[in-house]
Amino acid sequence: MPFQRFVETGRVAFVSDGPHKGKLVSIVDVIDQTRVLVDGPASQVPRGELRLNQLHLTKFRIKFPFTASTRIVRKAWNDAKINEKWEGSAWSKKMAAKEKRAQLTDFDRFKLRRARSRRNHIRTIVFRNLKKAASRNGTLYGKKKMAKGGDKPKPKKAGKGKSA
């Protein structure tokens, strides 16, 4: 699949470094190969220049004229509902979960570990019961009939009337 996220006017980016770390901005103009003019009207980031290595480009893009004013950028941002789209994205959810994990206390981590252990124990018991039932009724390894007692088929009795 070809590259989709270009440095272009209207591209929404996530600030990864600096005083505005963690906020969304929109690229308003490209200054040179390493710097861009950004504006973040919804995230309280004033118009200014940022280095491209401080930004992570998102899949979102809004349409506004080249070097548009903050008022026009804000209107385009709100019309495109960028904040709602960002909140619904997997990237945003992953960052929220990471922040939540960072806020856990020692006791919370202990409770989480115990809950996971208990969940896995219950899951293992249910899986073994299902596997045992499938083995008994013959659906585990195909449709052939298995003995009701377990995995081994019944031994065949030696033939009676055979004389050598």
Protein backbone atom coordinates (compact mmCIF):
# COMPACT_ATOMS: atom_id res chain seq x y z
CA MET A 1 0.00 0.00 0.00
CA PRO A 2 1.44 3.38 -0.94
CA PHE A 3 2.34 6.01 1.59
CA GLN A 4 -0.74 8.01 2.66
CA ARG A 5 0.34 10.55 5.29
CA PHE A 6 2.02 13.46 3.56
CA VAL A 7 3.27 16.72 5.06
CA GLU A 8 0.69 19.05 3.53
CA THR A 9 -1.53 21.98 4.36
CA GLY A 10 -4.45 20.78 6.45
CA ARG A 11 -2.80 17.60 7.75
CA VAL A 12 -3.61 17.04 11.42
CA ALA A 13 -0.58 16.09 13.50
CA PHE A 14 0.09 14.95 17.05
CA VAL A 15 2.79 16.89 18.92
CA SER A 16 5.24 14.39 20.43
CA ASP A 17 7.80 16.74 21.95
CA GLY A 18 8.10 20.21 23.38
CA PRO A 19 5.83 22.39 25.50
CA HIS A 20 2.67 21.31 23.63
CA LYS A 21 3.36 17.58 23.88
CA GLY A 22 0.22 15.45 23.55
CA LYS A 23 -1.89 18.00 21.66
CA LEU A 24 -3.32 18.01 18.15
CA VAL A 25 -2.36 20.67 15.61
CA SER A 26 -2.99 21.31 11.96
CA ILE A 27 -0.25 22.13 9.46
CA VAL A 28 -0.92 25.54 7.97
CA ASP A 29 2.21 25.99 5.86
CA VAL A 30 5.48 24.22 5.09
CA ILE A 31 8.45 26.49 5.90
CA ASP A 32 11.26 24.20 4.69
CA GLN A 33 12.20 20.51 4.72
CA THR A 34 12.35 20.33 8.51
CA ARG A 35 9.92 22.97 9.79
CA VAL A 36 6.21 23.68 9.42
CA LEU A 37 3.81 26.40 10.56
CA VAL A 38 1.14 24.85 12.78
CA ASP A 39 -2.03 26.03 14.45
CA GLY A 40 -4.10 24.21 17.08
CA PRO A 41 -7.24 26.26 17.67
CA ALA A 42 -9.13 23.49 19.47
CA SER A 43 -6.19 22.37 21.61
CA GLN A 44 -4.98 25.85 22.66
CA VAL A 45 -1.74 25.60 20.66
CA PRO A 46 -0.91 29.06 19.32
CA ARG A 47 0.19 29.48 15.72
CA GLY A 48 3.91 28.89 15.44
CA GLU A 49 6.62 26.82 13.88
CA LEU A 50 7.49 23.27 14.89
CA ARG A 51 10.11 20.86 13.65
CA LEU A 52 8.77 17.86 11.77
CA ASN A 53 10.60 15.51 14.12
CA GLN A 54 8.38 16.88 16.92
CA LEU A 55 5.23 15.81 15.05
CA HIS A 56 3.50 12.53 14.27
CA LEU A 57 1.22 12.83 11.25
CA THR A 58 -2.30 11.42 11.63
CA LYS A 59 -4.65 10.07 8.98
CA PHE A 60 -6.91 13.12 9.33
CA ARG A 61 -6.81 16.06 6.94
CA ILE A 62 -8.95 19.18 6.84
CA LYS A 63 -9.52 21.48 3.89
CA PHE A 64 -8.68 25.16 4.17
CA PRO A 65 -6.79 27.64 2.00
CA PHE A 66 -3.03 27.92 2.02
CA THR A 67 -1.83 29.98 5.08
CA ALA A 68 -5.38 30.49 6.33
CA SER A 69 -6.06 32.48 9.49
CA THR A 70 -6.74 30.84 12.84
CA ARG A 71 -10.43 31.65 12.53
CA ILE A 72 -10.69 29.72 9.24
CA VAL A 73 -8.64 26.81 10.60
CA ARG A 74 -10.93 26.64 13.67
CA LYS A 75 -14.04 26.60 11.47
CA ALA A 76 -12.64 23.83 9.24
CA TRP A 77 -11.54 21.87 12.34
CA ASN A 78 -15.02 22.04 13.87
CA ASP A 79 -16.77 21.26 10.56
CA ALA A 80 -14.63 18.14 10.08
CA LYS A 81 -15.25 17.09 13.72
CA ILE A 82 -11.58 16.28 14.23
CA ASN A 83 -11.87 16.05 18.04
CA GLU A 84 -14.62 13.40 17.81
CA LYS A 85 -12.70 11.45 15.16
CA TRP A 86 -9.53 11.58 17.25
CA GLU A 87 -11.35 10.34 20.38
CA GLY A 88 -12.71 7.42 18.35
CA SER A 89 -9.35 6.43 16.90
CA ALA A 90 -7.35 3.45 18.16
CA TRP A 91 -4.30 5.70 18.63
CA SER A 92 -6.16 7.93 21.10
CA LYS A 93 -7.64 4.97 22.98
CA LYS A 94 -4.23 3.33 23.27
CA MET A 95 -2.72 6.53 24.68
CA ALA A 96 -5.57 6.87 27.19
CA ALA A 97 -5.04 3.27 28.35
CA LYS A 98 -1.30 3.87 28.69
CA GLU A 99 -1.95 6.97 30.80
CA LYS A 100 -4.43 5.07 32.95
CA ARG A 101 -1.89 2.27 33.57
CA ALA A 102 0.71 4.86 34.54
CA GLN A 103 -1.67 6.21 37.21
CA LEU A 104 -2.11 2.83 38.94
CA THR A 105 -0.85 2.49 42.49
CA ASP A 106 1.05 -0.52 43.78
CA PHE A 107 -2.12 -1.95 45.32
CA ASP A 108 -4.04 -1.41 42.06
CA ARG A 109 -1.38 -3.32 40.14
CA PHE A 110 -1.61 -6.12 42.73
CA LYS A 111 -5.41 -6.30 42.38
CA LEU A 112 -5.12 -6.31 38.59
CA ARG A 113 -2.58 -9.13 38.68
CA ARG A 114 -4.84 -11.20 40.97
CA ALA A 115 -7.90 -10.57 38.79
CA ARG A 116 -6.03 -11.62 35.65
CA SER A 117 -4.76 -14.74 37.35
CA ARG A 118 -8.29 -15.68 38.46
CA ARG A 119 -9.71 -14.97 35.00
CA ASN A 120 -7.05 -17.13 33.34
CA HIS A 121 -7.69 -19.95 35.82
CA ILE A 122 -11.43 -19.94 35.04
CA ARG A 123 -10.71 -19.75 31.30
CA THR A 124 -8.37 -22.76 31.50
CA ILE A 125 -10.94 -24.86 33.38
CA VAL A 126 -13.66 -24.08 30.83
CA PHE A 127 -11.30 -24.81 27.91
CA ARG A 128 -10.30 -28.19 29.36
CA ASN A 129 -13.96 -29.13 29.93
CA LEU A 130 -14.83 -28.20 26.33
CA LYS A 131 -11.83 -30.11 25.01
CA LYS A 132 -12.75 -33.19 27.04
CA ALA A 133 -16.35 -33.07 25.81
CA ALA A 134 -15.21 -32.66 22.19
CA SER A 135 -12.80 -35.55 22.56
CA ARG A 136 -15.55 -37.79 23.91
CA ASN A 137 -18.11 -37.06 21.20
CA GLY A 138 -15.58 -37.27 18.37
CA THR A 139 -15.58 -33.66 17.18
CA LEU A 140 -12.05 -32.86 18.34
CA TYR A 141 -10.21 -34.81 15.64
CA GLY A 142 -12.89 -35.15 13.00
CA LYS A 143 -16.11 -37.11 12.68
CA LYS A 144 -14.86 -40.61 13.49
CA LYS A 145 -16.51 -42.18 16.51
CA MET A 146 -14.45 -42.51 19.63
CA ALA A 147 -15.07 -44.62 22.70
CA LYS A 148 -17.20 -42.98 25.36
CA GLY A 149 -14.65 -43.63 28.07
CA GLY A 150 -11.94 -41.37 26.70
CA ASP A 151 -9.57 -40.89 23.79
CA LYS A 152 -8.69 -44.56 23.12
CA PRO A 153 -10.92 -46.65 20.81
CA LYS A 154 -12.20 -49.98 22.08
CA PRO A 155 -9.88 -52.90 21.23
CA LYS A 156 -11.24 -55.41 18.74
CA LYS A 157 -11.88 -58.91 20.03
CA ALA A 158 -9.90 -61.77 18.53
CA GLY A 159 -11.84 -63.71 15.95
CA LYS A 160 -13.38 -66.98 17.29
CA GLY A 161 -13.91 -69.37 14.43
CA LYS A 162 -10.58 -69.01 12.69
CA SER A 163 -8.48 -72.11 12.38
CA ALA A 164 -5.02 -72.07 10.97
